[in-house]
Amino acid sequence: PEDHSEYRIGLLAADISALLRIWAAQHGRPHLVAHSVGGIIAREAALHSAADIASLTLYSSGSGPVGPAAQADARLLLEALDHVTPGQVQVLKEQLDARAGRPAPPGEIAAFLRRRWATTSPGHLRALARLALDPPDRLAQLSASLREAEVPAMALWGEHDEVWEGPAFAALADRLDAPTVVVPGAGHSAAVEAPGDMVDALDAFWRRR
């Protein structure tokens, strides 16, 4: 859908909750791992579906809005989408990164990013940008829901993650009474930048469950 209202957090979380409910009934409760803004949506789903998950890992997803630099990027994206397509946004980003001397991703990842942006609804991107700028704060309710269902949570982020700032990750962990893992050398995408370390962290957390 093009209308960003079709991507309201309640609707997105309801989709996740429905999948969790079906999976839990057929295969047992899954471990829910969510990245970045996806973590904001997963928090909403877990709030209402804690009994359907075995654990919750919030990966590079902090408390409150994204950090100042990411806020500027989100506002720029919202403005750009009034004038160009999502695919053109990615091309412009690549050009700006090159001018700033930022390393380009490997060819297959660059191609994936171009396909992803070219096939993503502008309404979806607008909704996620607004969510990053102004996420709902229901961490107290989520903590109570997880505690009642006896579901553990973990906060994991990269050492050099700049989308949220370090204190925002620590604050989220503190409010959920969750252990933390900081992946050395990684940025916002530890699953790509340090997959072995991330797998080890998840495996150790799940084994404790």
N, C-alpha and C. Protein backbone atom coordinates (compact mmCIF):
# COMPACT_ATOMS: atom_id res chain seq x y z
N PRO A 1 0.82 -1.21 0.00
CA PRO A 1 0.00 0.00 0.00
C PRO A 1 0.87 1.27 0.00
N GLU A 2 0.37 2.31 -0.65
CA GLU A 2 1.09 3.56 -0.69
C GLU A 2 0.80 4.43 0.53
N ASP A 3 -0.37 4.26 1.13
CA ASP A 3 -0.79 5.09 2.27
C ASP A 3 -0.01 4.68 3.51
N HIS A 4 0.74 5.64 4.09
CA HIS A 4 1.57 5.28 5.25
C HIS A 4 0.73 4.85 6.45
N SER A 5 -0.56 5.20 6.49
CA SER A 5 -1.41 4.78 7.60
C SER A 5 -1.63 3.27 7.61
N GLU A 6 -1.40 2.63 6.46
CA GLU A 6 -1.52 1.17 6.39
C GLU A 6 -0.36 0.47 7.11
N TYR A 7 0.65 1.25 7.49
CA TYR A 7 1.82 0.70 8.17
C TYR A 7 1.89 1.18 9.62
N ARG A 8 0.74 1.45 10.22
CA ARG A 8 0.72 1.84 11.63
C ARG A 8 1.30 0.72 12.48
N ILE A 9 1.96 1.11 13.57
CA ILE A 9 2.64 0.13 14.40
C ILE A 9 1.69 -0.94 14.92
N GLY A 10 0.47 -0.56 15.23
CA GLY A 10 -0.49 -1.55 15.72
C GLY A 10 -0.79 -2.62 14.69
N LEU A 11 -0.90 -2.22 13.42
CA LEU A 11 -1.17 -3.18 12.35
C LEU A 11 0.04 -4.08 12.10
N LEU A 12 1.22 -3.49 12.08
CA LEU A 12 2.43 -4.29 11.87
C LEU A 12 2.65 -5.27 13.03
N ALA A 13 2.44 -4.80 14.25
CA ALA A 13 2.61 -5.67 15.41
C ALA A 13 1.57 -6.79 15.41
N ALA A 14 0.36 -6.49 14.95
CA ALA A 14 -0.68 -7.52 14.90
C ALA A 14 -0.30 -8.63 13.93
N ASP A 15 0.35 -8.27 12.82
CA ASP A 15 0.82 -9.30 11.88
C ASP A 15 1.85 -10.21 12.55
N ILE A 16 2.80 -9.61 13.27
CA ILE A 16 3.80 -10.41 13.97
C ILE A 16 3.14 -11.30 15.01
N SER A 17 2.21 -10.76 15.76
CA SER A 17 1.53 -11.54 16.80
C SER A 17 0.80 -12.72 16.20
N ALA A 18 0.17 -12.52 15.05
CA ALA A 18 -0.55 -13.62 14.40
C ALA A 18 0.41 -14.74 13.99
N LEU A 19 1.56 -14.35 13.44
CA LEU A 19 2.56 -15.35 13.05
C LEU A 19 3.11 -16.09 14.27
N LEU A 20 3.37 -15.36 15.34
CA LEU A 20 3.88 -15.99 16.56
C LEU A 20 2.88 -16.98 17.12
N ARG A 21 1.63 -16.60 17.11
CA ARG A 21 0.58 -17.48 17.65
C ARG A 21 0.50 -18.78 16.85
N ILE A 22 0.55 -18.66 15.53
CA ILE A 22 0.47 -19.85 14.67
C ILE A 22 1.70 -20.74 14.87
N TRP A 23 2.89 -20.11 14.88
CA TRP A 23 4.12 -20.89 15.03
C TRP A 23 4.16 -21.59 16.39
N ALA A 24 3.79 -20.86 17.44
CA ALA A 24 3.82 -21.44 18.78
C ALA A 24 2.88 -22.63 18.89
N ALA A 25 1.73 -22.53 18.25
CA ALA A 25 0.75 -23.62 18.32
C ALA A 25 1.23 -24.85 17.55
N GLN A 26 1.97 -24.63 16.47
CA GLN A 26 2.37 -25.75 15.61
C GLN A 26 3.75 -26.31 15.93
N HIS A 27 4.66 -25.45 16.44
CA HIS A 27 6.05 -25.87 16.60
C HIS A 27 6.64 -25.57 17.97
N GLY A 28 5.91 -24.89 18.82
CA GLY A 28 6.46 -24.44 20.08
C GLY A 28 6.87 -22.98 19.98
N ARG A 29 7.09 -22.37 21.11
CA ARG A 29 7.35 -20.94 21.15
C ARG A 29 8.71 -20.58 20.52
N PRO A 30 8.73 -19.65 19.59
CA PRO A 30 9.99 -19.26 18.94
C PRO A 30 10.73 -18.19 19.74
N HIS A 31 12.01 -18.04 19.43
CA HIS A 31 12.80 -16.93 19.95
C HIS A 31 12.61 -15.75 18.98
N LEU A 32 12.17 -14.63 19.48
CA LEU A 32 11.92 -13.46 18.64
C LEU A 32 13.14 -12.54 18.68
N VAL A 33 13.73 -12.30 17.50
CA VAL A 33 14.89 -11.41 17.37
C VAL A 33 14.49 -10.30 16.41
N ALA A 34 14.69 -9.05 16.82
CA ALA A 34 14.25 -7.93 15.99
C ALA A 34 15.33 -6.86 15.93
N HIS A 35 15.51 -6.29 14.75
CA HIS A 35 16.61 -5.35 14.48
C HIS A 35 16.09 -3.93 14.27
N SER A 36 16.78 -2.96 14.87
CA SER A 36 16.59 -1.55 14.60
C SER A 36 15.14 -1.11 14.82
N VAL A 37 14.54 -0.43 13.85
CA VAL A 37 13.15 0.01 13.99
C VAL A 37 12.23 -1.20 14.09
N GLY A 38 12.65 -2.32 13.51
CA GLY A 38 11.88 -3.55 13.68
C GLY A 38 11.75 -3.94 15.13
N GLY A 39 12.74 -3.56 15.95
CA GLY A 39 12.66 -3.83 17.38
C GLY A 39 11.54 -3.06 18.05
N ILE A 40 11.27 -1.85 17.56
CA ILE A 40 10.16 -1.06 18.12
C ILE A 40 8.83 -1.78 17.85
N ILE A 41 8.70 -2.31 16.64
CA ILE A 41 7.48 -3.04 16.29
C ILE A 41 7.39 -4.35 17.05
N ALA A 42 8.52 -5.05 17.18
CA ALA A 42 8.53 -6.31 17.92
C ALA A 42 8.20 -6.11 19.39
N ARG A 43 8.62 -4.98 19.97
CA ARG A 43 8.26 -4.69 21.36
C ARG A 43 6.75 -4.61 21.51
N GLU A 44 6.11 -3.98 20.54
CA GLU A 44 4.65 -3.87 20.59
C GLU A 44 3.99 -5.24 20.46
N ALA A 45 4.52 -6.07 19.56
CA ALA A 45 3.97 -7.41 19.40
C ALA A 45 4.18 -8.25 20.66
N ALA A 46 5.38 -8.19 21.23
CA ALA A 46 5.69 -8.98 22.42
C ALA A 46 4.85 -8.54 23.62
N LEU A 47 4.51 -7.26 23.66
CA LEU A 47 3.67 -6.77 24.74
C LEU A 47 2.36 -7.52 24.80
N HIS A 48 1.81 -7.85 23.63
CA HIS A 48 0.51 -8.51 23.56
C HIS A 48 0.62 -10.02 23.35
N SER A 49 1.83 -10.51 23.06
CA SER A 49 1.99 -11.93 22.71
C SER A 49 3.13 -12.58 23.47
N ALA A 50 3.42 -12.11 24.66
CA ALA A 50 4.55 -12.65 25.41
C ALA A 50 4.42 -14.15 25.64
N ALA A 51 3.21 -14.64 25.81
CA ALA A 51 3.01 -16.06 26.08
C ALA A 51 3.34 -16.93 24.87
N ASP A 52 3.51 -16.30 23.70
CA ASP A 52 3.78 -17.06 22.48
C ASP A 52 5.25 -17.07 22.09
N ILE A 53 6.13 -16.47 22.90
CA ILE A 53 7.55 -16.46 22.55
C ILE A 53 8.39 -17.06 23.68
N ALA A 54 9.55 -17.59 23.30
CA ALA A 54 10.46 -18.17 24.29
C ALA A 54 11.42 -17.14 24.83
N SER A 55 11.74 -16.13 24.01
CA SER A 55 12.63 -15.04 24.45
C SER A 55 12.49 -13.89 23.47
N LEU A 56 12.99 -12.74 23.89
CA LEU A 56 12.97 -11.54 23.04
C LEU A 56 14.39 -10.95 23.01
N THR A 57 14.95 -10.82 21.82
CA THR A 57 16.24 -10.16 21.65
C THR A 57 16.03 -8.91 20.81
N LEU A 58 16.39 -7.77 21.37
CA LEU A 58 16.31 -6.50 20.66
C LEU A 58 17.73 -6.14 20.23
N TYR A 59 17.93 -6.14 18.93
CA TYR A 59 19.27 -6.06 18.34
C TYR A 59 19.44 -4.70 17.65
N SER A 60 20.36 -3.92 18.16
CA SER A 60 20.60 -2.57 17.64
C SER A 60 19.31 -1.77 17.60
N SER A 61 18.56 -1.84 18.69
CA SER A 61 17.29 -1.13 18.80
C SER A 61 17.24 -0.50 20.19
N GLY A 62 17.29 0.83 20.25
CA GLY A 62 17.43 1.50 21.53
C GLY A 62 16.12 2.02 22.10
N SER A 63 16.24 2.63 23.26
CA SER A 63 15.11 3.25 23.93
C SER A 63 14.93 4.67 23.39
N GLY A 64 13.71 5.04 23.10
CA GLY A 64 13.43 6.38 22.62
C GLY A 64 13.75 6.56 21.14
N PRO A 65 13.72 7.80 20.66
CA PRO A 65 14.01 8.06 19.24
C PRO A 65 15.45 7.71 18.90
N VAL A 66 15.70 7.55 17.61
CA VAL A 66 17.08 7.33 17.15
C VAL A 66 17.92 8.56 17.49
N GLY A 67 19.25 8.41 17.40
CA GLY A 67 20.16 9.49 17.75
C GLY A 67 20.09 10.66 16.79
N PRO A 68 20.75 11.77 17.12
CA PRO A 68 20.66 13.00 16.32
C PRO A 68 20.99 12.82 14.84
N ALA A 69 22.07 12.10 14.54
CA ALA A 69 22.44 11.92 13.13
C ALA A 69 21.38 11.13 12.38
N ALA A 70 20.87 10.07 13.02
CA ALA A 70 19.83 9.26 12.38
C ALA A 70 18.52 10.02 12.27
N GLN A 71 18.25 10.90 13.22
CA GLN A 71 17.06 11.75 13.12
C GLN A 71 17.15 12.64 11.89
N ALA A 72 18.33 13.21 11.67
CA ALA A 72 18.53 14.05 10.49
C ALA A 72 18.32 13.25 9.21
N ASP A 73 18.83 12.01 9.19
CA ASP A 73 18.65 11.14 8.03
C ASP A 73 17.17 10.83 7.80
N ALA A 74 16.44 10.56 8.89
CA ALA A 74 15.02 10.22 8.76
C ALA A 74 14.23 11.41 8.22
N ARG A 75 14.54 12.60 8.70
CA ARG A 75 13.84 13.80 8.20
C ARG A 75 14.19 14.07 6.74
N LEU A 76 15.45 13.84 6.38
CA LEU A 76 15.87 14.01 4.99
C LEU A 76 15.14 13.00 4.10
N LEU A 77 14.99 11.77 4.57
CA LEU A 77 14.27 10.76 3.81
C LEU A 77 12.82 11.18 3.58
N LEU A 78 12.17 11.67 4.63
CA LEU A 78 10.78 12.10 4.49
C LEU A 78 10.65 13.21 3.46
N GLU A 79 11.61 14.14 3.47
CA GLU A 79 11.58 15.23 2.49
C GLU A 79 11.87 14.72 1.08
N ALA A 80 12.86 13.82 0.97
CA ALA A 80 13.25 13.31 -0.35
C ALA A 80 12.11 12.54 -1.01
N LEU A 81 11.34 11.80 -0.22
CA LEU A 81 10.28 10.98 -0.78
C LEU A 81 9.14 11.80 -1.38
N ASP A 82 9.13 13.09 -1.10
CA ASP A 82 8.17 13.98 -1.76
C ASP A 82 8.59 14.32 -3.18
N HIS A 83 9.83 13.97 -3.55
CA HIS A 83 10.36 14.40 -4.84
C HIS A 83 10.91 13.26 -5.70
N VAL A 84 11.39 12.18 -5.07
CA VAL A 84 12.01 11.09 -5.83
C VAL A 84 11.48 9.75 -5.34
N THR A 85 11.76 8.70 -6.10
CA THR A 85 11.33 7.36 -5.74
C THR A 85 12.29 6.76 -4.72
N PRO A 86 11.86 5.69 -4.00
CA PRO A 86 12.79 5.02 -3.07
C PRO A 86 14.05 4.53 -3.75
N GLY A 87 13.94 4.02 -4.97
CA GLY A 87 15.13 3.57 -5.67
C GLY A 87 16.11 4.69 -5.92
N GLN A 88 15.59 5.87 -6.26
CA GLN A 88 16.46 7.03 -6.47
C GLN A 88 17.10 7.50 -5.17
N VAL A 89 16.37 7.34 -4.06
CA VAL A 89 16.94 7.68 -2.75
C VAL A 89 18.21 6.87 -2.50
N GLN A 90 18.17 5.56 -2.80
CA GLN A 90 19.33 4.71 -2.57
C GLN A 90 20.49 5.11 -3.46
N VAL A 91 20.21 5.45 -4.71
CA VAL A 91 21.28 5.88 -5.62
C VAL A 91 21.93 7.16 -5.10
N LEU A 92 21.09 8.11 -4.65
CA LEU A 92 21.62 9.35 -4.10
C LEU A 92 22.46 9.09 -2.85
N LYS A 93 22.00 8.15 -2.01
CA LYS A 93 22.75 7.81 -0.80
C LYS A 93 24.13 7.26 -1.16
N GLU A 94 24.17 6.38 -2.16
CA GLU A 94 25.46 5.83 -2.58
C GLU A 94 26.40 6.94 -3.06
N GLN A 95 25.86 7.91 -3.79
CA GLN A 95 26.69 9.01 -4.28
C GLN A 95 27.21 9.87 -3.12
N LEU A 96 26.35 10.15 -2.15
CA LEU A 96 26.76 10.95 -1.00
C LEU A 96 27.81 10.21 -0.16
N ASP A 97 27.60 8.89 0.01
CA ASP A 97 28.58 8.10 0.76
C ASP A 97 29.94 8.12 0.06
N ALA A 98 29.93 8.01 -1.26
CA ALA A 98 31.19 8.01 -2.01
C ALA A 98 31.91 9.36 -1.86
N ARG A 99 31.16 10.45 -1.92
CA ARG A 99 31.76 11.78 -1.77
C ARG A 99 32.34 11.97 -0.36
N ALA A 100 31.68 11.34 0.62
CA ALA A 100 32.14 11.48 2.00
C ALA A 100 33.26 10.51 2.33
N GLY A 101 33.63 9.66 1.36
CA GLY A 101 34.71 8.71 1.58
C GLY A 101 34.30 7.48 2.37
N ARG A 102 32.99 7.24 2.48
CA ARG A 102 32.55 6.04 3.21
C ARG A 102 32.73 4.82 2.33
N PRO A 103 33.16 3.69 2.89
CA PRO A 103 33.38 2.49 2.08
C PRO A 103 32.08 1.96 1.51
N ALA A 104 32.12 1.55 0.26
CA ALA A 104 30.94 0.97 -0.38
C ALA A 104 30.79 -0.48 0.05
N PRO A 105 29.55 -0.97 0.16
CA PRO A 105 29.35 -2.39 0.51
C PRO A 105 29.78 -3.27 -0.65
N PRO A 106 30.04 -4.55 -0.38
CA PRO A 106 30.36 -5.48 -1.47
C PRO A 106 29.28 -5.47 -2.54
N GLY A 107 29.65 -5.87 -3.75
CA GLY A 107 28.75 -5.78 -4.89
C GLY A 107 27.40 -6.43 -4.68
N GLU A 108 27.39 -7.66 -4.10
CA GLU A 108 26.10 -8.35 -3.96
C GLU A 108 25.21 -7.66 -2.94
N ILE A 109 25.82 -7.06 -1.90
CA ILE A 109 25.02 -6.34 -0.91
C ILE A 109 24.51 -5.03 -1.50
N ALA A 110 25.34 -4.34 -2.28
CA ALA A 110 24.90 -3.11 -2.94
C ALA A 110 23.72 -3.39 -3.87
N ALA A 111 23.81 -4.50 -4.60
CA ALA A 111 22.72 -4.87 -5.51
C ALA A 111 21.44 -5.19 -4.73
N PHE A 112 21.60 -5.89 -3.61
CA PHE A 112 20.44 -6.20 -2.77
C PHE A 112 19.78 -4.92 -2.25
N LEU A 113 20.61 -3.97 -1.79
CA LEU A 113 20.06 -2.72 -1.26
C LEU A 113 19.31 -1.96 -2.34
N ARG A 114 19.85 -1.94 -3.55
CA ARG A 114 19.15 -1.24 -4.64
C ARG A 114 17.81 -1.91 -4.94
N ARG A 115 17.79 -3.25 -4.98
CA ARG A 115 16.53 -3.97 -5.23
C ARG A 115 15.53 -3.70 -4.11
N ARG A 116 16.02 -3.72 -2.86
CA ARG A 116 15.13 -3.54 -1.72
C ARG A 116 14.49 -2.16 -1.75
N TRP A 117 15.31 -1.13 -1.98
CA TRP A 117 14.76 0.22 -2.02
C TRP A 117 13.83 0.41 -3.21
N ALA A 118 14.20 -0.14 -4.35
CA ALA A 118 13.39 0.04 -5.56
C ALA A 118 12.03 -0.62 -5.45
N THR A 119 11.91 -1.65 -4.63
CA THR A 119 10.65 -2.40 -4.52
C THR A 119 9.90 -2.11 -3.23
N THR A 120 10.37 -1.14 -2.44
CA THR A 120 9.71 -0.81 -1.18
C THR A 120 8.75 0.35 -1.38
N SER A 121 7.57 0.24 -0.78
CA SER A 121 6.55 1.29 -0.88
C SER A 121 7.02 2.57 -0.19
N PRO A 122 6.86 3.73 -0.83
CA PRO A 122 7.18 4.99 -0.15
C PRO A 122 6.39 5.16 1.14
N GLY A 123 5.15 4.68 1.17
CA GLY A 123 4.35 4.77 2.39
C GLY A 123 4.98 4.00 3.54
N HIS A 124 5.54 2.85 3.22
CA HIS A 124 6.21 2.05 4.24
C HIS A 124 7.43 2.79 4.79
N LEU A 125 8.22 3.37 3.91
CA LEU A 125 9.42 4.09 4.35
C LEU A 125 9.05 5.32 5.18
N ARG A 126 7.99 6.02 4.76
CA ARG A 126 7.56 7.18 5.54
C ARG A 126 7.13 6.75 6.95
N ALA A 127 6.40 5.65 7.04
CA ALA A 127 5.92 5.18 8.34
C ALA A 127 7.08 4.80 9.24
N LEU A 128 8.08 4.10 8.70
CA LEU A 128 9.22 3.69 9.52
C LEU A 128 10.06 4.89 9.94
N ALA A 129 10.21 5.87 9.05
CA ALA A 129 10.97 7.07 9.42
C ALA A 129 10.28 7.80 10.56
N ARG A 130 8.97 7.92 10.49
CA ARG A 130 8.23 8.60 11.56
C ARG A 130 8.31 7.80 12.86
N LEU A 131 8.31 6.48 12.75
CA LEU A 131 8.41 5.64 13.94
C LEU A 131 9.77 5.79 14.59
N ALA A 132 10.82 5.89 13.78
CA ALA A 132 12.17 6.10 14.33
C ALA A 132 12.28 7.43 15.05
N LEU A 133 11.56 8.43 14.56
CA LEU A 133 11.60 9.76 15.16
C LEU A 133 10.75 9.88 16.41
N ASP A 134 9.66 9.12 16.46
CA ASP A 134 8.73 9.27 17.58
C ASP A 134 8.11 7.91 17.96
N PRO A 135 8.92 7.01 18.53
CA PRO A 135 8.39 5.68 18.88
C PRO A 135 7.53 5.74 20.15
N PRO A 136 6.54 4.87 20.26
CA PRO A 136 5.78 4.82 21.51
C PRO A 136 6.65 4.26 22.63
N ASP A 137 6.41 4.72 23.83
CA ASP A 137 7.17 4.24 24.98
C ASP A 137 6.26 3.41 25.87
N ARG A 138 6.31 2.09 25.65
CA ARG A 138 5.53 1.17 26.48
C ARG A 138 6.45 0.11 27.09
N LEU A 139 7.69 0.53 27.38
CA LEU A 139 8.66 -0.41 27.93
C LEU A 139 8.25 -0.91 29.31
N ALA A 140 7.63 -0.07 30.11
CA ALA A 140 7.19 -0.52 31.44
C ALA A 140 6.15 -1.61 31.31
N GLN A 141 5.20 -1.42 30.39
CA GLN A 141 4.17 -2.44 30.18
C GLN A 141 4.77 -3.71 29.59
N LEU A 142 5.73 -3.54 28.67
CA LEU A 142 6.38 -4.71 28.08
C LEU A 142 7.14 -5.49 29.14
N SER A 143 7.87 -4.80 30.01
CA SER A 143 8.61 -5.47 31.06
C SER A 143 7.68 -6.29 31.94
N ALA A 144 6.54 -5.72 32.30
CA ALA A 144 5.58 -6.44 33.14
C ALA A 144 5.02 -7.66 32.42
N SER A 145 4.73 -7.51 31.12
CA SER A 145 4.19 -8.62 30.33
C SER A 145 5.19 -9.75 30.20
N LEU A 146 6.46 -9.42 29.94
CA LEU A 146 7.49 -10.46 29.84
C LEU A 146 7.71 -11.15 31.17
N ARG A 147 7.69 -10.37 32.23
CA ARG A 147 7.90 -10.94 33.56
C ARG A 147 6.76 -11.91 33.92
N GLU A 148 5.54 -11.53 33.61
CA GLU A 148 4.39 -12.39 33.92
C GLU A 148 4.45 -13.69 33.15
N ALA A 149 4.91 -13.63 31.90
CA ALA A 149 5.01 -14.83 31.07
C ALA A 149 6.33 -15.57 31.25
N GLU A 150 7.20 -15.04 32.12
CA GLU A 150 8.52 -15.63 32.37
C GLU A 150 9.34 -15.74 31.09
N VAL A 151 9.33 -14.66 30.32
CA VAL A 151 10.07 -14.60 29.05
C VAL A 151 11.29 -13.69 29.23
N PRO A 152 12.50 -14.20 29.05
CA PRO A 152 13.69 -13.35 29.20
C PRO A 152 13.91 -12.47 27.97
N ALA A 153 14.55 -11.34 28.19
CA ALA A 153 14.90 -10.43 27.09
C ALA A 153 16.40 -10.16 27.11
N MET A 154 16.94 -9.82 25.95
CA MET A 154 18.35 -9.45 25.85
C MET A 154 18.46 -8.25 24.91
N ALA A 155 19.38 -7.34 25.22
CA ALA A 155 19.70 -6.22 24.34
C ALA A 155 21.10 -6.43 23.78
N LEU A 156 21.22 -6.35 22.47
CA LEU A 156 22.49 -6.60 21.78
C LEU A 156 22.73 -5.47 20.79
N TRP A 157 23.94 -4.94 20.75
CA TRP A 157 24.25 -3.91 19.76
C TRP A 157 25.73 -3.92 19.43
N GLY A 158 26.07 -3.28 18.33
CA GLY A 158 27.46 -3.20 17.89
C GLY A 158 28.21 -2.10 18.62
N GLU A 159 29.47 -2.34 18.83
CA GLU A 159 30.32 -1.38 19.54
C GLU A 159 30.30 0.00 18.90
N HIS A 160 30.20 0.04 17.58
CA HIS A 160 30.27 1.32 16.86
C HIS A 160 28.91 1.73 16.28
N ASP A 161 27.84 1.20 16.83
CA ASP A 161 26.50 1.55 16.34
C ASP A 161 26.23 3.03 16.62
N GLU A 162 25.84 3.77 15.58
CA GLU A 162 25.58 5.19 15.73
C GLU A 162 24.12 5.57 15.42
N VAL A 163 23.28 4.58 15.14
CA VAL A 163 21.88 4.90 14.84
C VAL A 163 21.18 5.36 16.11
N TRP A 164 21.31 4.55 17.16
CA TRP A 164 21.02 5.02 18.51
C TRP A 164 22.38 5.22 19.19
N GLU A 165 22.43 5.99 20.23
CA GLU A 165 23.67 6.14 20.98
C GLU A 165 23.72 5.14 22.12
N GLY A 166 24.93 4.79 22.55
CA GLY A 166 25.12 3.76 23.57
C GLY A 166 24.20 3.86 24.76
N PRO A 167 24.02 5.04 25.36
CA PRO A 167 23.14 5.14 26.52
C PRO A 167 21.70 4.72 26.24
N ALA A 168 21.25 4.89 24.99
CA ALA A 168 19.88 4.50 24.65
C ALA A 168 19.73 2.98 24.67
N PHE A 169 20.76 2.26 24.24
CA PHE A 169 20.71 0.80 24.31
C PHE A 169 20.72 0.33 25.77
N ALA A 170 21.61 0.92 26.55
CA ALA A 170 21.72 0.55 27.95
C ALA A 170 20.44 0.88 28.71
N ALA A 171 19.80 1.99 28.36
CA ALA A 171 18.57 2.38 29.03
C ALA A 171 17.46 1.38 28.74
N LEU A 172 17.39 0.92 27.49
CA LEU A 172 16.39 -0.09 27.14
C LEU A 172 16.61 -1.36 27.94
N ALA A 173 17.87 -1.81 28.00
CA ALA A 173 18.18 -3.03 28.75
C ALA A 173 17.82 -2.88 30.22
N ASP A 174 18.12 -1.72 30.78
CA ASP A 174 17.84 -1.48 32.19
C ASP A 174 16.33 -1.53 32.46
N ARG A 175 15.56 -0.93 31.57
CA ARG A 175 14.12 -0.88 31.79
C ARG A 175 13.47 -2.24 31.61
N LEU A 176 14.10 -3.12 30.85
CA LEU A 176 13.57 -4.48 30.67
C LEU A 176 14.26 -5.49 31.57
N ASP A 177 15.19 -5.01 32.41
CA ASP A 177 15.97 -5.89 33.29
C ASP A 177 16.61 -7.00 32.46
N ALA A 178 17.23 -6.60 31.35
CA ALA A 178 17.76 -7.55 30.38
C ALA A 178 19.28 -7.52 30.36
N PRO A 179 19.92 -8.65 30.17
CA PRO A 179 21.38 -8.66 29.99
C PRO A 179 21.74 -7.97 28.68
N THR A 180 22.97 -7.53 28.58
CA THR A 180 23.43 -6.83 27.38
C THR A 180 24.63 -7.52 26.77
N VAL A 181 24.74 -7.40 25.46
CA VAL A 181 25.92 -7.87 24.73
C VAL A 181 26.31 -6.77 23.76
N VAL A 182 27.56 -6.33 23.83
CA VAL A 182 28.10 -5.36 22.89
C VAL A 182 29.05 -6.12 21.96
N VAL A 183 28.75 -6.13 20.68
CA VAL A 183 29.55 -6.91 19.72
C VAL A 183 30.76 -6.08 19.30
N PRO A 184 31.97 -6.54 19.61
CA PRO A 184 33.18 -5.76 19.30
C PRO A 184 33.32 -5.53 17.80
N GLY A 185 33.68 -4.30 17.43
CA GLY A 185 33.98 -3.98 16.05
C GLY A 185 32.80 -3.81 15.13
N ALA A 186 31.61 -4.11 15.61
CA ALA A 186 30.43 -4.05 14.75
C ALA A 186 29.76 -2.69 14.85
N GLY A 187 28.99 -2.36 13.82
CA GLY A 187 28.19 -1.15 13.83
C GLY A 187 26.72 -1.49 14.02
N HIS A 188 25.89 -1.02 13.09
CA HIS A 188 24.44 -1.20 13.24
C HIS A 188 23.97 -2.56 12.73
N SER A 189 24.83 -3.29 12.04
CA SER A 189 24.41 -4.57 11.45
C SER A 189 25.38 -5.68 11.82
N ALA A 190 25.40 -6.03 13.10
CA ALA A 190 26.34 -7.05 13.57
C ALA A 190 26.13 -8.38 12.88
N ALA A 191 24.91 -8.68 12.45
CA ALA A 191 24.65 -9.95 11.77
C ALA A 191 25.46 -10.06 10.48
N VAL A 192 25.77 -8.91 9.87
CA VAL A 192 26.58 -8.90 8.65
C VAL A 192 28.05 -8.66 9.00
N GLU A 193 28.30 -7.76 9.95
CA GLU A 193 29.66 -7.31 10.24
C GLU A 193 30.42 -8.26 11.16
N ALA A 194 29.71 -8.96 12.02
CA ALA A 194 30.36 -9.91 12.95
C ALA A 194 29.41 -11.07 13.22
N PRO A 195 29.06 -11.82 12.18
CA PRO A 195 28.03 -12.86 12.34
C PRO A 195 28.40 -13.92 13.36
N GLY A 196 29.66 -14.29 13.43
CA GLY A 196 30.06 -15.32 14.39
C GLY A 196 29.82 -14.88 15.82
N ASP A 197 30.20 -13.65 16.14
CA ASP A 197 30.01 -13.13 17.49
C ASP A 197 28.52 -13.03 17.83
N MET A 198 27.73 -12.63 16.85
CA MET A 198 26.30 -12.50 17.12
C MET A 198 25.66 -13.87 17.34
N VAL A 199 26.03 -14.84 16.52
CA VAL A 199 25.50 -16.19 16.69
C VAL A 199 25.89 -16.75 18.06
N ASP A 200 27.12 -16.53 18.46
CA ASP A 200 27.58 -17.01 19.77
C ASP A 200 26.76 -16.38 20.90
N ALA A 201 26.48 -15.08 20.78
CA ALA A 201 25.71 -14.38 21.81
C ALA A 201 24.29 -14.91 21.88
N LEU A 202 23.67 -15.12 20.73
CA LEU A 202 22.30 -15.64 20.70
C LEU A 202 22.27 -17.07 21.24
N ASP A 203 23.23 -17.88 20.83
CA ASP A 203 23.26 -19.28 21.28
C ASP A 203 23.41 -19.36 22.80
N ALA A 204 24.30 -18.55 23.34
CA ALA A 204 24.50 -18.57 24.80
C ALA A 204 23.24 -18.12 25.53
N PHE A 205 22.57 -17.11 25.01
CA PHE A 205 21.34 -16.60 25.63
C PHE A 205 20.24 -17.65 25.56
N TRP A 206 20.06 -18.25 24.40
CA TRP A 206 19.00 -19.24 24.24
C TRP A 206 19.25 -20.48 25.07
N ARG A 207 20.51 -20.87 25.21
CA ARG A 207 20.82 -22.06 26.01
C ARG A 207 20.46 -21.84 27.49
N ARG A 208 20.60 -20.59 27.95
CA ARG A 208 20.22 -20.30 29.34
C ARG A 208 18.72 -20.43 29.53
N ARG A 209 17.98 -20.29 28.45
CA ARG A 209 16.53 -20.43 28.52
C ARG A 209 16.15 -21.89 28.68
